[in-house]
C-alpha atoms as a PDB file:
ATOM      1  CA  MET A   1     247.658 202.207-104.810  1.00  0.00           C
ATOM      2  CA  SER A   2     249.946 204.117-102.492  1.00  0.00           C
ATOM      3  CA  THR A   3     246.972 205.884-100.950  1.00  0.00           C
ATOM      4  CA  SER A   4     245.210 202.608-100.286  1.00  0.00           C
ATOM      5  CA  PHE A   5     248.321 201.166 -98.764  1.00  0.00           C
ATOM      6  CA  PHE A   6     248.762 204.235 -96.532  1.00  0.00           C
ATOM      7  CA  ARG A   7     245.202 203.956 -95.299  1.00  0.00           C
ATOM      8  CA  ARG A   8     245.713 200.326 -94.400  1.00  0.00           C
ATOM      9  CA  ILE A   9     248.813 201.166 -92.370  1.00  0.00           C
ATOM     10  CA  CYS A  10     247.521 204.271 -90.611  1.00  0.00           C
ATOM     11  CA  GLY A  11     243.862 203.384 -90.356  1.00  0.00           C
ATOM     12  CA  PRO A  12     241.918 202.477 -87.139  1.00  0.00           C
ATOM     13  CA  GLY A  13     242.780 198.831 -87.479  1.00  0.00           C
ATOM     14  CA  ALA A  14     246.480 199.595 -87.593  1.00  0.00           C
ATOM     15  CA  ARG A  15     246.228 201.781 -84.483  1.00  0.00           C
ATOM     16  CA  ARG A  16     244.664 198.886 -82.620  1.00  0.00           C
ATOM     17  CA  LEU A  17     247.497 196.600 -83.683  1.00  0.00           C
ATOM     18  CA  LEU A  18     250.234 199.063 -82.748  1.00  0.00           C
ATOM     19  CA  SER A  19     248.695 200.166 -79.408  1.00  0.00           C
ATOM     20  CA  THR A  20     250.550 199.126 -76.216  1.00  0.00           C
ATOM     21  CA  THR A  21     247.529 199.567 -73.898  1.00  0.00           C
ATOM     22  CA  VAL A  22     246.672 196.362 -71.942  1.00  0.00           C
ATOM     23  CA  PRO A  23     242.944 195.698 -71.916  1.00  0.00           C
ATOM     24  CA  PRO A  24     241.351 195.524 -68.420  1.00  0.00           C
ATOM     25  CA  SER A  25     241.017 191.996 -67.040  1.00  0.00           C
ATOM     26  CA  SER A  26     237.616 190.512 -66.478  1.00  0.00           C
ATOM     27  CA  PRO A  27     236.320 190.206 -62.836  1.00  0.00           C
ATOM     28  CA  ARG A  28     235.893 186.512 -63.495  1.00  0.00           C
ATOM     29  CA  THR A  29     239.679 186.171 -63.646  1.00  0.00           C
ATOM     30  CA  TRP A  30     239.983 186.937 -59.912  1.00  0.00           C
ATOM     31  CA  ARG A  31     236.957 184.941 -58.709  1.00  0.00           C
ATOM     32  CA  PRO A  32     238.811 181.607 -58.179  1.00  0.00           C
ATOM     33  CA  PHE A  33     241.463 183.400 -56.125  1.00  0.00           C
ATOM     34  CA  PHE A  34     238.906 185.055 -53.828  1.00  0.00           C
ATOM     35  CA  THR A  35     237.020 181.772 -53.463  1.00  0.00           C
ATOM     36  CA  ALA A  36     240.170 179.881 -52.494  1.00  0.00           C
ATOM     37  CA  SER A  37     241.135 182.587 -49.986  1.00  0.00           C
ATOM     38  CA  ALA A  38     237.689 182.527 -48.375  1.00  0.00           C
ATOM     39  CA  ILE A  39     237.750 178.757 -48.053  1.00  0.00           C
ATOM     40  CA  ALA A  40     241.222 178.828 -46.508  1.00  0.00           C
ATOM     41  CA  GLY A  41     240.230 181.541 -44.012  1.00  0.00           C
ATOM     42  CA  PHE A  42     237.045 179.743 -43.028  1.00  0.00           C
ATOM     43  CA  SER A  43     238.922 176.470 -42.575  1.00  0.00           C
ATOM     44  CA  ALA A  44     241.530 178.121 -40.347  1.00  0.00           C
ATOM     45  CA  ALA A  45     238.834 179.752 -38.205  1.00  0.00           C
ATOM     46  CA  ALA A  46     236.883 176.502 -37.940  1.00  0.00           C
ATOM     47  CA  TYR A  47     240.029 174.594 -36.945  1.00  0.00           C
ATOM     48  CA  THR A  48     240.889 177.164 -34.263  1.00  0.00           C
ATOM     49  CA  LEU A  49     237.370 177.169 -32.795  1.00  0.00           C
ATOM     50  CA  GLY A  50     237.194 173.399 -32.970  1.00  0.00           C
ATOM     51  CA  SER A  51     240.456 173.117 -31.038  1.00  0.00           C
ATOM     52  CA  ILE A  52     239.210 175.442 -28.307  1.00  0.00           C
ATOM     53  CA  TYR A  53     235.609 174.206 -28.224  1.00  0.00           C
ATOM     54  CA  PRO A  54     235.679 170.718 -29.745  1.00  0.00           C
ATOM     55  CA  PRO A  55     232.344 169.120 -30.699  1.00  0.00           C
ATOM     56  CA  SER A  56     231.023 166.559 -28.252  1.00  0.00           C
ATOM     57  CA  ALA A  57     231.501 163.564 -30.533  1.00  0.00           C
ATOM     58  CA  LEU A  58     235.107 164.489 -31.315  1.00  0.00           C
ATOM     59  CA  THR A  59     236.044 164.855 -27.647  1.00  0.00           C
ATOM     60  CA  ILE A  60     234.795 161.308 -27.078  1.00  0.00           C
ATOM     61  CA  LEU A  61     236.564 159.794 -30.092  1.00  0.00           C
ATOM     62  CA  PHE A  62     239.748 161.854 -29.803  1.00  0.00           C
ATOM     63  CA  PRO A  63     240.178 163.021 -26.178  1.00  0.00           C
ATOM     64  CA  ARG A  64     242.945 165.391 -25.273  1.00  0.00           C
ATOM     65  CA  THR A  65     245.918 163.786 -23.600  1.00  0.00           C
ATOM     66  CA  ALA A  66     246.434 164.395 -19.894  1.00  0.00           C
ATOM     67  CA  PRO A  67     249.076 163.363 -17.351  1.00  0.00           C
ATOM     68  CA  GLY A  68     248.322 160.762 -14.718  1.00  0.00           C
ATOM     69  CA  PRO A  69     247.167 161.531 -11.159  1.00  0.00           C
ATOM     70  CA  PRO A  70     249.834 163.454  -9.209  1.00  0.00           C
ATOM     71  CA  ASP A  71     251.287 162.642  -5.813  1.00  0.00           C
ATOM     72  CA  PRO A  72     248.638 163.815  -3.293  1.00  0.00           C
ATOM     73  CA  ALA A  73     251.329 164.910  -0.837  1.00  0.00           C
ATOM     74  CA  THR A  74     252.761 167.686  -3.038  1.00  0.00           C
ATOM     75  CA  PRO A  75     251.898 171.340  -2.335  1.00  0.00           C
ATOM     76  CA  GLU A  76     250.395 171.658  -5.822  1.00  0.00           C
ATOM     77  CA  SER A  77     248.060 168.725  -5.195  1.00  0.00           C
ATOM     78  CA  LYS A  78     246.976 170.134  -1.842  1.00  0.00           C
ATOM     79  CA  ALA A  79     246.273 173.515  -3.442  1.00  0.00           C
ATOM     80  CA  TYR A  80     244.274 171.785  -6.161  1.00  0.00           C
ATOM     81  CA  THR A  81     242.203 169.877  -3.595  1.00  0.00           C
ATOM     82  CA  GLU A  82     241.521 173.058  -1.620  1.00  0.00           C
ATOM     83  CA  SER A  83     240.375 174.927  -4.730  1.00  0.00           C
ATOM     84  CA  LEU A  84     238.229 171.939  -5.670  1.00  0.00           C
ATOM     85  CA  GLU A  85     236.546 172.046  -2.249  1.00  0.00           C
ATOM     86  CA  GLN A  86     235.839 175.755  -2.724  1.00  0.00           C
ATOM     87  CA  THR A  87     234.229 174.975  -6.055  1.00  0.00           C
ATOM     88  CA  LEU A  88     232.105 172.237  -4.489  1.00  0.00           C
ATOM     89  CA  GLN A  89     230.821 174.508  -1.735  1.00  0.00           C
ATOM     90  CA  THR A  90     229.786 177.180  -4.248  1.00  0.00           C
ATOM     91  CA  LEU A  91     228.122 174.955  -6.845  1.00  0.00           C
ATOM     92  CA  PRO A  92     224.857 176.675  -7.853  1.00  0.00           C
ATOM     93  CA  LEU A  93     222.879 173.441  -7.456  1.00  0.00           C
ATOM     94  CA  LEU A  94     224.188 172.854  -3.937  1.00  0.00           C
ATOM     95  CA  GLU A  95     223.473 176.461  -2.953  1.00  0.00           C
ATOM     96  CA  GLN A  96     219.978 176.109  -4.365  1.00  0.00           C
ATOM     97  CA  LEU A  97     219.316 172.971  -2.315  1.00  0.00           C
ATOM     98  CA  ARG A  98     220.571 174.673   0.837  1.00  0.00           C
ATOM     99  CA  LYS A  99     218.081 177.523   0.313  1.00  0.00           C
ATOM    100  CA  GLN A 100     214.988 175.442  -0.420  1.00  0.00           C
ATOM    101  CA  GLU A 101     211.936 175.879   1.765  1.00  0.00           C
ATOM    102  CA  ASP A 102     212.366 172.375   3.179  1.00  0.00           C
ATOM    103  CA  ALA A 103     216.123 172.785   3.799  1.00  0.00           C
ATOM    104  CA  ASP A 104     215.620 172.095   7.520  1.00  0.00           C
ATOM    105  CA  ASP A 105     214.330 168.632   6.636  1.00  0.00           C
ATOM    106  CA  TRP A 106     217.752 167.679   5.281  1.00  0.00           C
ATOM    107  CA  TYR A 107     221.200 167.198   6.796  1.00  0.00           C
ATOM    108  CA  GLU A 108     224.700 166.996   5.313  1.00  0.00           C
ATOM    109  CA  ALA A 109     227.446 164.421   5.782  1.00  0.00           C
ATOM    110  CA  ARG A 110     230.912 163.793   4.333  1.00  0.00           C
ATOM    111  CA  PRO A 111     231.527 160.043   3.889  1.00  0.00           C
ATOM    112  CA  TYR A 112     235.055 158.790   4.646  1.00  0.00           C
ATOM    113  CA  ARG A 113     236.175 162.080   6.174  1.00  0.00           C
ATOM    114  CA  ASN A 114     236.839 160.518   9.579  1.00  0.00           C
ATOM    115  CA  TYR A 115     237.429 156.980   8.389  1.00  0.00           C
ATOM    116  CA  PRO A 116     240.190 155.277  10.452  1.00  0.00           C
ATOM    117  CA  GLU A 117     243.439 154.988   8.547  1.00  0.00           C
ATOM    118  CA  GLU A 118     243.773 151.255   9.240  1.00  0.00           C
ATOM    119  CA  ARG A 119     240.454 150.738   7.454  1.00  0.00           C
ATOM    120  CA  ARG A 120     240.886 153.404   4.791  1.00  0.00           C
ATOM    121  CA  ILE A 121     243.989 151.853   3.245  1.00  0.00           C
ATOM    122  CA  ASN A 122     242.008 148.744   2.247  1.00  0.00           C
ATOM    123  CA  SER A 123     238.929 150.586   1.021  1.00  0.00           C
ATOM    124  CA  LEU A 124     238.289 150.987  -2.711  1.00  0.00           C
ATOM    125  CA  THR A 125     236.529 154.356  -2.862  1.00  0.00           C
ATOM    126  CA  GLY A 126     237.843 155.524   0.500  1.00  0.00           C
ATOM    127  CA  GLY A 127     241.489 154.631  -0.065  1.00  0.00           C
ATOM    128  CA  ALA A 128     242.736 153.123  -3.334  1.00  0.00           C
ATOM    129  CA  LEU A 129     240.792 155.560  -5.522  1.00  0.00           C
ATOM    130  CA  ARG A 130     241.199 158.587  -3.279  1.00  0.00           C
ATOM    131  CA  GLY A 131     243.341 161.545  -4.349  1.00  0.00           C
ATOM    132  CA  PRO A 132     243.765 164.280  -6.989  1.00  0.00           C
ATOM    133  CA  GLY A 133     242.958 163.084 -10.475  1.00  0.00           C
ATOM    134  CA  LYS A 134     240.708 160.348  -9.046  1.00  0.00           C
ATOM    135  CA  LEU A 135     238.206 160.864  -6.210  1.00  0.00           C
ATOM    136  CA  ALA A 136     239.862 164.014  -4.946  1.00  0.00           C
ATOM    137  CA  LEU A 137     237.189 164.976  -2.417  1.00  0.00           C
ATOM    138  CA  HIS A 138     235.056 163.207   0.127  1.00  0.00           C
ATOM    139  CA  PRO A 139     231.525 163.045  -1.271  1.00  0.00           C
ATOM    140  CA  LEU A 140     229.075 165.615   0.021  1.00  0.00           C
ATOM    141  CA  VAL A 141     225.748 164.006   0.945  1.00  0.00           C
ATOM    142  CA  ARG A 142     222.507 165.882   1.495  1.00  0.00           C
ATOM    143  CA  SER A 143     220.063 163.400   2.966  1.00  0.00           C
ATOM    144  CA  LYS A 144     216.495 163.758   4.166  1.00  0.00           C
ATOM    145  CA  LYS A 145     216.169 163.299   7.886  1.00  0.00           C
ATOM    146  CA  ASP A 146     213.621 160.528   7.301  1.00  0.00           C
ATOM    147  CA  GLU A 147     216.259 158.748   5.134  1.00  0.00           C
ATOM    148  CA  THR A 148     213.968 158.396   2.110  1.00  0.00           C
ATOM    149  CA  GLU A 149     216.012 160.491  -0.305  1.00  0.00           C
ATOM    150  CA  SER A 150     219.526 161.827  -0.785  1.00  0.00           C
ATOM    151  CA  VAL A 151     221.547 163.982  -3.167  1.00  0.00           C
ATOM    152  CA  VAL A 152     225.269 163.192  -3.378  1.00  0.00           C
ATOM    153  CA  PHE A 153     227.920 165.411  -5.000  1.00  0.00           C
ATOM    154  CA  ILE A 154     231.039 163.567  -6.165  1.00  0.00           C
ATOM    155  CA  HIS A 155     234.066 164.758  -8.111  1.00  0.00           C
ATOM    156  CA  VAL A 156     235.422 162.356 -10.731  1.00  0.00           C
ATOM    157  CA  GLY A 157     238.913 162.880 -12.132  1.00  0.00           C
ATOM    158  CA  ARG A 158     240.716 161.827 -15.293  1.00  0.00           C
ATOM    159  CA  GLY A 159     242.394 158.859 -13.604  1.00  0.00           C
ATOM    160  CA  LEU A 160     239.053 156.994 -13.367  1.00  0.00           C
ATOM    161  CA  CYS A 161     238.491 156.422 -17.076  1.00  0.00           C
ATOM    162  CA  GLY A 162     237.835 153.350 -19.172  1.00  0.00           C
ATOM    163  CA  HIS A 163     237.906 154.966 -22.597  1.00  0.00           C
ATOM    164  CA  ASP A 164     240.168 157.983 -22.180  1.00  0.00           C
ATOM    165  CA  GLY A 165     238.115 160.978 -21.072  1.00  0.00           C
ATOM    166  CA  ILE A 166     235.061 158.856 -20.132  1.00  0.00           C
ATOM    167  CA  ILE A 167     234.546 157.609 -16.572  1.00  0.00           C
ATOM    168  CA  HIS A 168     234.666 153.808 -16.329  1.00  0.00           C
ATOM    169  CA  GLY A 169     231.218 152.244 -16.105  1.00  0.00           C
ATOM    170  CA  GLY A 170     232.397 149.912 -13.348  1.00  0.00           C
ATOM    171  CA  LEU A 171     233.433 152.891 -11.246  1.00  0.00           C
ATOM    172  CA  LEU A 172     229.979 154.415 -11.659  1.00  0.00           C
ATOM    173  CA  ALA A 173     228.477 151.081 -10.590  1.00  0.00           C
ATOM    174  CA  ALA A 174     230.593 151.117  -7.421  1.00  0.00           C
ATOM    175  CA  LEU A 175     229.560 154.687  -6.594  1.00  0.00           C
ATOM    176  CA  LEU A 176     225.902 153.854  -7.167  1.00  0.00           C
ATOM    177  CA  ASP A 177     226.196 150.727  -5.023  1.00  0.00           C
ATOM    178  CA  GLU A 178     227.535 152.775  -2.108  1.00  0.00           C
ATOM    179  CA  THR A 179     225.127 155.687  -2.391  1.00  0.00           C
ATOM    180  CA  LEU A 180     222.077 153.456  -2.874  1.00  0.00           C
ATOM    181  CA  ALA A 181     223.218 151.301   0.048  1.00  0.00           C
ATOM    182  CA  ARG A 182     223.368 154.350   2.276  1.00  0.00           C
ATOM    183  CA  THR A 183     219.666 155.050   1.746  1.00  0.00           C
ATOM    184  CA  ALA A 184     218.655 151.378   1.944  1.00  0.00           C
ATOM    185  CA  ILE A 185     220.631 150.501   5.090  1.00  0.00           C
ATOM    186  CA  ALA A 186     219.123 153.438   6.964  1.00  0.00           C
ATOM    187  CA  ASN A 187     215.723 151.825   6.488  1.00  0.00           C
ATOM    188  CA  LEU A 188     216.624 148.294   7.616  1.00  0.00           C
ATOM    189  CA  PRO A 189     215.807 147.228  11.182  1.00  0.00           C
ATOM    190  CA  GLU A 190     219.389 146.623  12.357  1.00  0.00           C
ATOM    191  CA  LYS A 191     221.001 149.189  10.037  1.00  0.00           C
ATOM    192  CA  VAL A 192     223.044 146.430   8.365  1.00  0.00           C
ATOM    193  CA  GLY A 193     222.634 145.363   4.745  1.00  0.00           C
ATOM    194  CA  VAL A 194     224.276 143.731   1.738  1.00  0.00           C
ATOM    195  CA  THR A 195     223.628 144.152  -1.982  1.00  0.00           C
ATOM    196  CA  ALA A 196     221.278 141.511  -3.365  1.00  0.00           C
ATOM    197  CA  LEU A 197     220.563 143.054  -6.766  1.00  0.00           C
ATOM    198  CA  LEU A 198     221.929 146.048  -8.661  1.00  0.00           C
ATOM    199  CA  THR A 199     220.628 146.985 -12.108  1.00  0.00           C
ATOM    200  CA  LEU A 200     222.107 149.780 -14.222  1.00  0.00           C
ATOM    201  CA  ASN A 201     221.094 151.484 -17.444  1.00  0.00           C
ATOM    202  CA  TYR A 202     223.833 153.667 -18.933  1.00  0.00           C
ATOM    203  CA  ARG A 203     222.183 156.544 -20.796  1.00  0.00           C
ATOM    204  CA  ALA A 204     225.076 158.860 -21.747  1.00  0.00           C
ATOM    205  CA  PRO A 205     228.876 159.041 -21.355  1.00  0.00           C
ATOM    206  CA  THR A 206     230.086 160.488 -18.066  1.00  0.00           C
ATOM    207  CA  ARG A 207     232.925 162.897 -18.779  1.00  0.00           C
ATOM    208  CA  ALA A 208     236.057 163.135 -16.697  1.00  0.00           C
ATOM    209  CA  ASP A 209     237.985 166.392 -16.256  1.00  0.00           C
ATOM    210  CA  GLN A 210     238.482 168.378 -19.435  1.00  0.00           C
ATOM    211  CA  VAL A 211     241.569 170.551 -19.938  1.00  0.00           C
ATOM    212  CA  SER A 212     241.372 174.235 -19.089  1.00  0.00           C
ATOM    213  CA  SER A 213     244.108 176.787 -18.554  1.00  0.00           C
ATOM    214  CA  ILE A 214     243.112 179.015 -15.657  1.00  0.00           C
ATOM    215  CA  ARG A 215     241.164 178.400 -12.466  1.00  0.00           C
ATOM    216  CA  PHE A 216     240.523 180.982  -9.768  1.00  0.00           C
ATOM    217  CA  GLY A 217     242.634 183.489 -11.696  1.00  0.00           C
ATOM    218  CA  VAL A 218     245.800 181.419 -11.264  1.00  0.00           C
ATOM    219  CA  ILE A 219     247.703 179.705 -14.061  1.00  0.00           C
ATOM    220  CA  LEU A 220     248.118 176.137 -12.840  1.00  0.00           C
ATOM    221  CA  PRO A 221     250.777 173.515 -13.613  1.00  0.00           C
ATOM    222  CA  LEU A 222     249.954 171.183 -16.514  1.00  0.00           C
ATOM    223  CA  PHE A 223     248.671 168.302 -14.396  1.00  0.00           C
ATOM    224  CA  LEU A 224     246.312 170.677 -12.555  1.00  0.00           C
ATOM    225  CA  MET A 225     244.901 172.281 -15.698  1.00  0.00           C
ATOM    226  CA  HIS A 226     241.423 170.812 -15.384  1.00  0.00           C
ATOM    227  CA  THR A 227     237.925 172.065 -15.179  1.00  0.00           C
ATOM    228  CA  PHE A 228     236.202 170.569 -12.195  1.00  0.00           C
ATOM    229  CA  GLN A 229     233.867 167.758 -13.171  1.00  0.00           C
ATOM    230  CA  PHE A 230     231.208 166.882 -10.611  1.00  0.00           C
ATOM    231  CA  ILE A 231     228.428 164.363 -10.876  1.00  0.00           C
ATOM    232  CA  VAL A 232     225.243 164.254  -8.836  1.00  0.00           C
ATOM    233  CA  ILE A 233     223.766 160.976  -7.606  1.00  0.00           C
ATOM    234  CA  ARG A 234     220.155 161.059  -6.447  1.00  0.00           C
ATOM    235  CA  THR A 235     218.733 158.167  -4.442  1.00  0.00           C
ATOM    236  CA  PHE A 236     215.116 157.371  -3.530  1.00  0.00           C
ATOM    237  CA  LEU A 237     213.645 154.765  -1.204  1.00  0.00           C
ATOM    238  CA  GLN A 238     211.095 152.668  -3.078  1.00  0.00           C
ATOM    239  CA  GLU A 239     210.051 150.186  -0.405  1.00  0.00           C
ATOM    240  CA  ALA A 240     211.246 148.930   2.958  1.00  0.00           C
ATOM    241  CA  LYS A 241     209.688 145.756   4.268  1.00  0.00           C
ATOM    242  CA  GLY A 242     211.188 143.520   6.917  1.00  0.00           C
ATOM    243  CA  ARG A 243     214.789 142.661   6.082  1.00  0.00           C
ATOM    244  CA  LYS A 244     214.577 144.017   2.527  1.00  0.00           C
ATOM    245  CA  ALA A 245     214.807 147.538   1.122  1.00  0.00           C
ATOM    246  CA  SER A 246     214.406 148.577  -2.519  1.00  0.00           C
ATOM    247  CA  VAL A 247     215.899 151.819  -3.771  1.00  0.00           C
ATOM    248  CA  ALA A 248     216.299 153.677  -7.066  1.00  0.00           C
ATOM    249  CA  GLY A 249     218.831 156.223  -8.185  1.00  0.00           C
ATOM    250  CA  ARG A 250     220.293 158.183 -11.055  1.00  0.00           C
ATOM    251  CA  VAL A 251     223.589 159.783 -11.953  1.00  0.00           C
ATOM    252  CA  GLU A 252     223.290 163.252 -13.457  1.00  0.00           C
ATOM    253  CA  ALA A 253     225.601 165.950 -14.753  1.00  0.00           C
ATOM    254  CA  LEU A 254     225.342 169.312 -13.015  1.00  0.00           C
ATOM    255  CA  ASP A 255     223.112 170.571 -15.815  1.00  0.00           C
ATOM    256  CA  GLY A 256     220.647 167.745 -15.151  1.00  0.00           C
ATOM    257  CA  THR A 257     221.661 165.497 -18.058  1.00  0.00           C
ATOM    258  CA  LEU A 258     220.784 161.894 -17.201  1.00  0.00           C
ATOM    259  CA  LEU A 259     223.891 159.680 -17.309  1.00  0.00           C
ATOM    260  CA  VAL A 260     222.956 156.450 -15.523  1.00  0.00           C
ATOM    261  CA  GLU A 261     219.737 154.997 -14.086  1.00  0.00           C
ATOM    262  CA  ALA A 262     219.848 152.374 -11.345  1.00  0.00           C
ATOM    263  CA  SER A 263     217.715 150.269  -9.066  1.00  0.00           C
ATOM    264  CA  ALA A 264     218.819 147.972  -6.267  1.00  0.00           C
ATOM    265  CA  THR A 265     217.669 145.659  -3.520  1.00  0.00           C
ATOM    266  CA  PHE A 266     219.514 145.367  -0.214  1.00  0.00           C
ATOM    267  CA  VAL A 267     218.923 142.623   2.340  1.00  0.00           C
ATOM    268  CA  GLN A 268     219.702 142.554   6.031  1.00  0.00           C
ATOM    269  CA  PRO A 269     221.635 139.319   6.765  1.00  0.00           C
ATOM    270  CA  ARG A 270     220.128 136.905   9.276  1.00  0.00           C
ATOM    271  CA  TYR A 271     223.152 137.254  11.545  1.00  0.00           C
ATOM    272  CA  ALA A 272     222.645 141.021  11.890  1.00  0.00           C
ATOM    273  CA  LYS A 273     221.018 140.684  15.317  1.00  0.00           C
ATOM    274  CA  ILE A 274     224.114 139.106  16.827  1.00  0.00           C
ATOM    275  CA  LEU A 275     226.332 141.971  15.733  1.00  0.00           C
ATOM    276  CA  ASN A 276     227.395 144.693  18.101  1.00  0.00           C
ATOM    277  CA  THR A 277     225.004 147.252  16.656  1.00  0.00           C
ATOM    278  CA  GLU A 278     226.099 150.034  18.971  1.00  0.00           C
ATOM    279  CA  ALA A 279     229.674 149.591  17.787  1.00  0.00           C
ATOM    280  CA  LEU A 280     228.452 149.485  14.198  1.00  0.00           C
ATOM    281  CA  LYS A 281     226.589 152.776  14.669  1.00  0.00           C
ATOM    282  CA  GLN A 282     229.794 154.302  15.950  1.00  0.00           C
ATOM    283  CA  ALA A 283     231.622 152.912  12.920  1.00  0.00           C
ATOM    284  CA  MET A 284     229.028 154.532  10.647  1.00  0.00           C
ATOM    285  CA  GLY A 285     229.630 157.851  12.387  1.00  0.00           C
ATOM    286  CA  GLU A 286     226.188 158.232  13.930  1.00  0.00           C
ATOM    287  CA  PRO A 287     226.402 160.919  16.616  1.00  0.00           C
ATOM    288  CA  SER A 288     224.823 160.022  19.910  1.00  0.00           C
ATOM    289  CA  HIS A 289     221.225 161.294  20.235  1.00  0.00           C
ATOM    290  CA  SER A 290     221.150 161.961  16.512  1.00  0.00           C
ATOM    291  CA  HIS A 291     217.898 161.778  14.588  1.00  0.00           C
ATOM    292  CA  SER A 292     219.630 160.355  11.547  1.00  0.00           C
ATOM    293  CA  PRO A 293     222.346 157.734  11.054  1.00  0.00           C
ATOM    294  CA  VAL A 294     225.536 158.691   9.282  1.00  0.00           C
ATOM    295  CA  HIS A 295     226.903 155.522   7.823  1.00  0.00           C
ATOM    296  CA  LEU A 296     230.028 153.425   7.858  1.00  0.00           C
ATOM    297  CA  ALA A 297     231.669 155.499   5.161  1.00  0.00           C
ATOM    298  CA  ASP A 298     231.618 158.498   7.514  1.00  0.00           C
ATOM    299  CA  GLY A 299     233.521 156.230   9.920  1.00  0.00           C
ATOM    300  CA  GLU A 300     234.433 157.003  13.470  1.00  0.00           C
ATOM    301  CA  LYS A 301     236.420 154.449  15.432  1.00  0.00           C
ATOM    302  CA  ILE A 302     234.465 151.494  16.723  1.00  0.00           C
ATOM    303  CA  ARG A 303     233.952 151.644  20.444  1.00  0.00           C
ATOM    304  CA  PRO A 304     233.751 148.237  22.068  1.00  0.00           C
ATOM    305  CA  ARG A 305     230.581 147.387  23.963  1.00  0.00           C
ATOM    306  CA  LYS A 306     231.014 148.051  27.704  1.00  0.00           C
END
């Protein structure tokens, strides 16, 4: 009996009971921890990338906040406008157009650049909406010398939005009205016209400036921290007959994305013949002996008929 008892105490089973060795844990024990860590790391990376490069839909629904348009007279605003002009002049699309085989068949104009101050202050696109954060630059127009087609580069700032971050559709209508009118009026007998019909089809949101941190290697103040958003308006003469001209146009992003389609009809008023057309040509900025009119928006002072 004592021997049996001794064997029960000192046998293999007893050694297992008395052993202090901790059995190795199963790999499955750590799997939830690794899974949770991976999910957390992926979420943090996705959040960081999404903040830097937000998806298109999110930037429309939840645009980044931005300060209002600054005072155009400040040195910072003037520096911003100068850098914006440099960007405009070096846009790849503009450089491409200037190097085309038919480049000599086109000319360039800058509407409103020489517009008289007494007229500018009461102009919508030439005065009230002019300045950094709005229409910071005078548009750059490349027009065919036969006035059948034009390409217009316009900068649109954050202060021109309806929904925050998206350019107001009414503003785009005004810009299309002016650019389409420029092509139409050039093809009317007396070079005078009014809008009779304007039809628009909005195809995609037109983005305003999006926040960036550095431009031209210089860290800018907060209100100048914008990428430069340009739109391109293309106009085409459809028909010119008597006192009526029909034109079509489109607003595009620089990458060619179609934003707005438009068509319009402009009519020369019956009283056009009694107007001082020579003075009107001067108002439109047409140089003497020029092959192509440069319109009212380019504005030189009206010279009274002698």
